[in-house]
């Protein structure tokens, strides 16, 4: 059975921002955060530092699609929250990613040491 990618509201439409967008959505799934808190969270769970320019570009694109929304400013910080449509997009992509991970792991098992270095 072929894998069906989400056709509407697809992260792939964001081009080079698709992976950072997925990371931001995953970060906000835990609850509202401001930019610096998102960067720290992403560093912790993904292991890569997201630069501020990338983050704020992604935030603008996600907000324009209605996948996140800003909350009232707290001092100099503006927190964002995940919206229901954003959660649905995240869930759809995580489901596809889980199938890829599961398939890859399953296919590696019989190969063991025969896998290319």
N, C-alpha and C. Protein backbone atom coordinates (compact mmCIF):
# COMPACT_ATOMS: atom_id res chain seq x y z
N UNK A 1 0.84 -1.18 0.00
CA UNK A 1 0.00 0.00 0.00
C UNK A 1 0.89 1.25 0.00
N UNK A 2 0.74 2.12 -0.98
CA UNK A 2 1.60 3.31 -1.05
C UNK A 2 1.28 4.28 0.09
N UNK A 3 2.30 4.98 0.52
CA UNK A 3 2.14 5.98 1.58
C UNK A 3 1.47 7.21 0.99
N UNK A 4 0.41 7.64 1.61
CA UNK A 4 -0.30 8.84 1.18
C UNK A 4 0.21 10.03 1.98
N UNK A 5 0.77 10.99 1.30
CA UNK A 5 1.20 12.21 1.97
C UNK A 5 0.02 13.16 2.08
N UNK A 6 -0.04 13.94 3.11
CA UNK A 6 -1.13 14.92 3.21
C UNK A 6 -1.11 15.84 2.00
N UNK A 7 -2.27 16.05 1.39
CA UNK A 7 -2.33 16.85 0.17
C UNK A 7 -2.59 18.32 0.46
N UNK A 8 -3.37 18.59 1.48
CA UNK A 8 -3.63 19.98 1.83
C UNK A 8 -2.83 20.32 3.07
N UNK A 9 -2.47 21.56 3.15
CA UNK A 9 -1.71 22.02 4.32
C UNK A 9 -0.45 21.19 4.52
N UNK A 10 0.29 20.98 3.46
CA UNK A 10 1.48 20.14 3.49
C UNK A 10 2.71 20.97 3.85
N UNK A 11 3.50 20.47 4.79
CA UNK A 11 4.74 21.14 5.15
C UNK A 11 5.70 21.23 3.98
N UNK A 12 5.63 20.28 3.06
CA UNK A 12 6.55 20.29 1.91
C UNK A 12 6.38 21.57 1.08
N UNK A 13 5.22 22.18 1.15
CA UNK A 13 4.99 23.43 0.42
C UNK A 13 5.88 24.56 0.95
N UNK A 14 6.47 24.36 2.12
CA UNK A 14 7.33 25.39 2.72
C UNK A 14 8.76 25.30 2.20
N UNK A 15 9.05 24.35 1.32
CA UNK A 15 10.38 24.23 0.74
C UNK A 15 11.45 24.02 1.79
N UNK A 16 12.48 24.86 1.74
CA UNK A 16 13.60 24.69 2.66
C UNK A 16 13.21 24.91 4.11
N UNK A 17 12.02 25.44 4.36
CA UNK A 17 11.55 25.66 5.73
C UNK A 17 10.73 24.49 6.27
N UNK A 18 10.58 23.41 5.49
CA UNK A 18 9.72 22.32 5.95
C UNK A 18 10.26 21.62 7.20
N UNK A 19 11.55 21.31 7.25
CA UNK A 19 12.08 20.65 8.45
C UNK A 19 12.05 21.59 9.65
N UNK A 20 12.51 22.84 9.52
CA UNK A 20 12.39 23.74 10.67
C UNK A 20 10.94 23.93 11.12
N UNK A 21 10.00 23.96 10.18
CA UNK A 21 8.59 24.10 10.54
C UNK A 21 8.12 22.91 11.36
N UNK A 22 8.52 21.73 10.96
CA UNK A 22 8.16 20.53 11.71
C UNK A 22 8.72 20.60 13.14
N UNK A 23 9.95 21.06 13.28
CA UNK A 23 10.57 21.18 14.60
C UNK A 23 9.84 22.20 15.47
N UNK A 24 9.43 23.32 14.88
CA UNK A 24 8.70 24.34 15.64
C UNK A 24 7.34 23.80 16.07
N UNK A 25 6.62 23.14 15.16
CA UNK A 25 5.33 22.56 15.52
C UNK A 25 5.49 21.54 16.65
N UNK A 26 6.53 20.71 16.56
CA UNK A 26 6.77 19.72 17.60
C UNK A 26 7.09 20.39 18.94
N UNK A 27 7.84 21.47 18.90
CA UNK A 27 8.16 22.19 20.13
C UNK A 27 6.89 22.77 20.76
N UNK A 28 6.06 23.38 19.93
CA UNK A 28 4.84 24.02 20.45
C UNK A 28 3.78 23.01 20.87
N UNK A 29 3.92 21.75 20.45
CA UNK A 29 2.96 20.73 20.88
C UNK A 29 3.02 20.54 22.40
N UNK A 30 4.13 20.90 23.01
CA UNK A 30 4.28 20.80 24.46
C UNK A 30 3.55 21.93 25.18
N UNK A 31 3.35 23.04 24.49
CA UNK A 31 2.69 24.20 25.08
C UNK A 31 3.28 25.47 24.51
N UNK A 32 2.67 26.62 24.81
CA UNK A 32 3.15 27.90 24.26
C UNK A 32 4.60 28.18 24.66
N UNK A 33 5.32 28.80 23.72
CA UNK A 33 6.72 29.18 23.97
C UNK A 33 7.04 30.43 23.17
N UNK A 34 8.00 31.19 23.64
CA UNK A 34 8.56 32.31 22.88
C UNK A 34 9.74 31.78 22.08
N UNK A 35 10.27 32.61 21.20
CA UNK A 35 11.31 32.19 20.27
C UNK A 35 12.53 31.55 20.91
N UNK A 36 13.09 32.19 21.93
CA UNK A 36 14.29 31.63 22.55
C UNK A 36 14.00 30.27 23.18
N UNK A 37 12.84 30.15 23.83
CA UNK A 37 12.48 28.87 24.45
C UNK A 37 12.33 27.78 23.39
N UNK A 38 11.78 28.14 22.22
CA UNK A 38 11.67 27.16 21.13
C UNK A 38 13.06 26.73 20.66
N UNK A 39 13.96 27.69 20.49
CA UNK A 39 15.31 27.34 20.02
C UNK A 39 15.99 26.41 21.02
N UNK A 40 15.84 26.67 22.32
CA UNK A 40 16.44 25.81 23.33
C UNK A 40 15.80 24.42 23.33
N UNK A 41 14.48 24.36 23.20
CA UNK A 41 13.78 23.09 23.17
C UNK A 41 14.20 22.26 21.95
N UNK A 42 14.27 22.90 20.81
CA UNK A 42 14.67 22.20 19.58
C UNK A 42 16.10 21.69 19.69
N UNK A 43 16.97 22.49 20.26
CA UNK A 43 18.34 22.04 20.48
C UNK A 43 18.35 20.80 21.37
N UNK A 44 17.52 20.80 22.40
CA UNK A 44 17.48 19.68 23.34
C UNK A 44 16.94 18.40 22.70
N UNK A 45 15.81 18.48 21.97
CA UNK A 45 15.23 17.25 21.45
C UNK A 45 15.72 16.86 20.07
N UNK A 46 16.30 17.80 19.33
CA UNK A 46 16.77 17.49 17.97
C UNK A 46 18.28 17.47 17.87
N UNK A 47 18.93 18.22 18.73
CA UNK A 47 20.39 18.24 18.73
C UNK A 47 21.02 19.24 17.79
N UNK A 48 20.19 20.05 17.14
CA UNK A 48 20.72 21.06 16.22
C UNK A 48 20.20 22.43 16.64
N UNK A 49 21.06 23.43 16.47
CA UNK A 49 20.69 24.79 16.83
C UNK A 49 19.97 25.43 15.66
N UNK A 50 18.81 26.01 15.92
CA UNK A 50 18.08 26.75 14.90
C UNK A 50 18.46 28.22 15.05
N UNK A 51 18.90 28.82 13.98
CA UNK A 51 19.30 30.23 14.01
C UNK A 51 18.05 31.12 14.11
N UNK A 52 18.18 32.27 14.75
CA UNK A 52 17.02 33.16 14.91
C UNK A 52 16.36 33.55 13.59
N UNK A 53 17.14 33.82 12.56
CA UNK A 53 16.56 34.19 11.27
C UNK A 53 15.69 33.09 10.69
N UNK A 54 16.16 31.85 10.82
CA UNK A 54 15.37 30.71 10.36
C UNK A 54 14.10 30.58 11.19
N UNK A 55 14.24 30.67 12.51
CA UNK A 55 13.09 30.53 13.40
C UNK A 55 12.02 31.56 13.07
N UNK A 56 12.41 32.83 12.98
CA UNK A 56 11.40 33.87 12.78
C UNK A 56 10.80 33.83 11.38
N UNK A 57 11.54 33.35 10.39
CA UNK A 57 10.97 33.11 9.07
C UNK A 57 9.92 32.01 9.11
N UNK A 58 10.23 30.94 9.84
CA UNK A 58 9.29 29.83 9.98
C UNK A 58 8.05 30.28 10.76
N UNK A 59 8.24 31.02 11.84
CA UNK A 59 7.10 31.49 12.62
C UNK A 59 6.14 32.30 11.75
N UNK A 60 6.68 33.18 10.91
CA UNK A 60 5.83 34.00 10.03
C UNK A 60 5.04 33.12 9.07
N UNK A 61 5.70 32.12 8.49
CA UNK A 61 5.02 31.23 7.54
C UNK A 61 3.95 30.37 8.24
N UNK A 62 4.26 29.86 9.42
CA UNK A 62 3.30 29.04 10.15
C UNK A 62 2.10 29.87 10.60
N UNK A 63 2.37 31.09 11.04
CA UNK A 63 1.27 31.97 11.46
C UNK A 63 0.38 32.32 10.27
N UNK A 64 0.98 32.59 9.11
CA UNK A 64 0.21 32.91 7.91
C UNK A 64 -0.71 31.76 7.51
N UNK A 65 -0.30 30.53 7.76
CA UNK A 65 -1.12 29.36 7.43
C UNK A 65 -2.14 29.03 8.52
N UNK A 66 -2.05 29.70 9.65
CA UNK A 66 -2.97 29.44 10.74
C UNK A 66 -2.61 28.23 11.58
N UNK A 67 -1.37 27.76 11.46
CA UNK A 67 -0.93 26.57 12.20
C UNK A 67 -0.42 26.93 13.59
N UNK A 68 -0.05 28.18 13.79
CA UNK A 68 0.32 28.70 15.10
C UNK A 68 -0.34 30.07 15.25
N UNK A 69 -0.46 30.53 16.47
CA UNK A 69 -0.97 31.89 16.67
C UNK A 69 -0.18 32.54 17.82
N UNK A 70 0.02 33.86 17.67
CA UNK A 70 0.75 34.57 18.73
C UNK A 70 -0.15 34.81 19.93
N UNK A 71 0.45 34.85 21.07
CA UNK A 71 -0.23 35.19 22.31
C UNK A 71 0.21 36.60 22.70
N UNK A 72 -0.44 37.21 23.69
CA UNK A 72 -0.02 38.55 24.10
C UNK A 72 1.47 38.58 24.49
N UNK A 73 2.11 39.66 24.13
CA UNK A 73 3.53 39.85 24.42
C UNK A 73 3.76 39.85 25.92
N UNK A 74 4.86 39.18 26.31
CA UNK A 74 5.29 39.16 27.71
C UNK A 74 6.61 39.90 27.78
N UNK A 75 6.57 41.17 28.13
CA UNK A 75 7.78 41.98 28.12
C UNK A 75 8.23 42.15 26.67
N UNK A 76 9.44 41.70 26.37
CA UNK A 76 9.95 41.77 24.99
C UNK A 76 9.69 40.48 24.23
N UNK A 77 9.11 39.50 24.89
CA UNK A 77 8.94 38.18 24.28
C UNK A 77 7.50 37.97 23.82
N UNK A 78 7.37 37.38 22.63
CA UNK A 78 6.06 37.05 22.10
C UNK A 78 5.93 35.54 22.05
N UNK A 79 5.11 34.95 22.91
CA UNK A 79 4.91 33.50 22.84
C UNK A 79 3.94 33.14 21.70
N UNK A 80 4.06 31.91 21.26
CA UNK A 80 3.18 31.37 20.22
C UNK A 80 2.58 30.08 20.75
N UNK A 81 1.42 29.72 20.20
CA UNK A 81 0.79 28.46 20.56
C UNK A 81 0.44 27.70 19.29
N UNK A 82 0.36 26.41 19.40
CA UNK A 82 -0.06 25.54 18.31
C UNK A 82 -1.58 25.61 18.20
N UNK A 83 -2.10 25.75 16.97
CA UNK A 83 -3.54 25.75 16.76
C UNK A 83 -4.01 24.33 16.42
N UNK A 84 -5.30 24.11 16.40
CA UNK A 84 -5.85 22.79 16.04
C UNK A 84 -5.42 22.38 14.63
N UNK A 85 -5.49 23.28 13.63
CA UNK A 85 -5.00 22.88 12.30
C UNK A 85 -3.50 22.56 12.30
N UNK A 86 -2.72 23.28 13.09
CA UNK A 86 -1.29 23.00 13.19
C UNK A 86 -1.04 21.65 13.82
N UNK A 87 -1.81 21.31 14.84
CA UNK A 87 -1.68 20.00 15.48
C UNK A 87 -2.04 18.89 14.50
N UNK A 88 -3.04 19.12 13.66
CA UNK A 88 -3.43 18.11 12.67
C UNK A 88 -2.33 17.90 11.63
N UNK A 89 -1.70 18.98 11.19
CA UNK A 89 -0.59 18.88 10.24
C UNK A 89 0.57 18.13 10.89
N UNK A 90 0.90 18.48 12.11
CA UNK A 90 1.98 17.80 12.83
C UNK A 90 1.68 16.31 12.96
N UNK A 91 0.48 15.97 13.37
CA UNK A 91 0.11 14.57 13.55
C UNK A 91 0.23 13.80 12.23
N UNK A 92 -0.23 14.39 11.14
CA UNK A 92 -0.15 13.72 9.84
C UNK A 92 1.29 13.45 9.44
N UNK A 93 2.16 14.41 9.66
CA UNK A 93 3.56 14.23 9.29
C UNK A 93 4.29 13.27 10.22
N UNK A 94 3.95 13.29 11.49
CA UNK A 94 4.57 12.33 12.42
C UNK A 94 4.14 10.91 12.10
N UNK A 95 2.90 10.73 11.65
CA UNK A 95 2.43 9.41 11.26
C UNK A 95 3.23 8.88 10.08
N UNK A 96 3.45 9.73 9.08
CA UNK A 96 4.25 9.33 7.92
C UNK A 96 5.69 9.04 8.34
N UNK A 97 6.25 9.90 9.18
CA UNK A 97 7.63 9.70 9.62
C UNK A 97 7.76 8.40 10.42
N UNK A 98 6.76 8.08 11.24
CA UNK A 98 6.80 6.85 12.02
C UNK A 98 6.82 5.63 11.11
N UNK A 99 6.04 5.69 10.01
CA UNK A 99 6.05 4.58 9.06
C UNK A 99 7.41 4.44 8.40
N UNK A 100 8.04 5.55 8.08
CA UNK A 100 9.37 5.52 7.46
C UNK A 100 10.38 4.91 8.44
N UNK A 101 10.35 5.36 9.69
CA UNK A 101 11.27 4.84 10.70
C UNK A 101 11.04 3.35 10.91
N UNK A 102 9.79 2.96 11.05
CA UNK A 102 9.46 1.56 11.27
C UNK A 102 9.91 0.69 10.10
N UNK A 103 9.65 1.15 8.89
CA UNK A 103 10.05 0.40 7.70
C UNK A 103 11.56 0.30 7.61
N UNK A 104 12.26 1.40 7.83
CA UNK A 104 13.72 1.39 7.76
C UNK A 104 14.33 0.46 8.77
N UNK A 105 13.84 0.50 9.99
CA UNK A 105 14.37 -0.39 11.04
C UNK A 105 14.08 -1.85 10.71
N UNK A 106 12.88 -2.11 10.25
CA UNK A 106 12.51 -3.48 9.89
C UNK A 106 13.39 -4.01 8.76
N UNK A 107 13.65 -3.17 7.78
CA UNK A 107 14.44 -3.61 6.63
C UNK A 107 15.91 -3.77 6.98
N UNK A 108 16.40 -3.06 7.97
CA UNK A 108 17.78 -3.20 8.41
C UNK A 108 18.01 -4.47 9.22
N UNK A 109 17.01 -4.94 9.94
CA UNK A 109 17.15 -6.10 10.82
C UNK A 109 17.74 -7.33 10.12
N UNK A 110 17.21 -7.76 8.97
CA UNK A 110 17.76 -8.99 8.37
C UNK A 110 19.15 -8.80 7.80
N UNK A 111 19.55 -7.55 7.56
CA UNK A 111 20.86 -7.28 6.95
C UNK A 111 21.98 -7.28 7.98
N UNK A 112 21.65 -6.85 9.18
CA UNK A 112 22.65 -6.82 10.25
C UNK A 112 23.96 -6.24 9.78
N UNK A 113 25.02 -7.03 9.84
CA UNK A 113 26.36 -6.55 9.50
C UNK A 113 26.56 -6.42 7.99
N UNK A 114 25.60 -6.87 7.19
CA UNK A 114 25.74 -6.77 5.73
C UNK A 114 25.43 -5.37 5.23
N UNK A 115 24.87 -4.53 6.09
CA UNK A 115 24.57 -3.16 5.68
C UNK A 115 25.87 -2.43 5.35
N UNK A 116 25.79 -1.57 4.35
CA UNK A 116 26.98 -0.82 3.92
C UNK A 116 27.48 0.05 5.06
N UNK A 117 28.78 0.19 5.22
CA UNK A 117 29.33 1.03 6.31
C UNK A 117 29.06 2.49 6.05
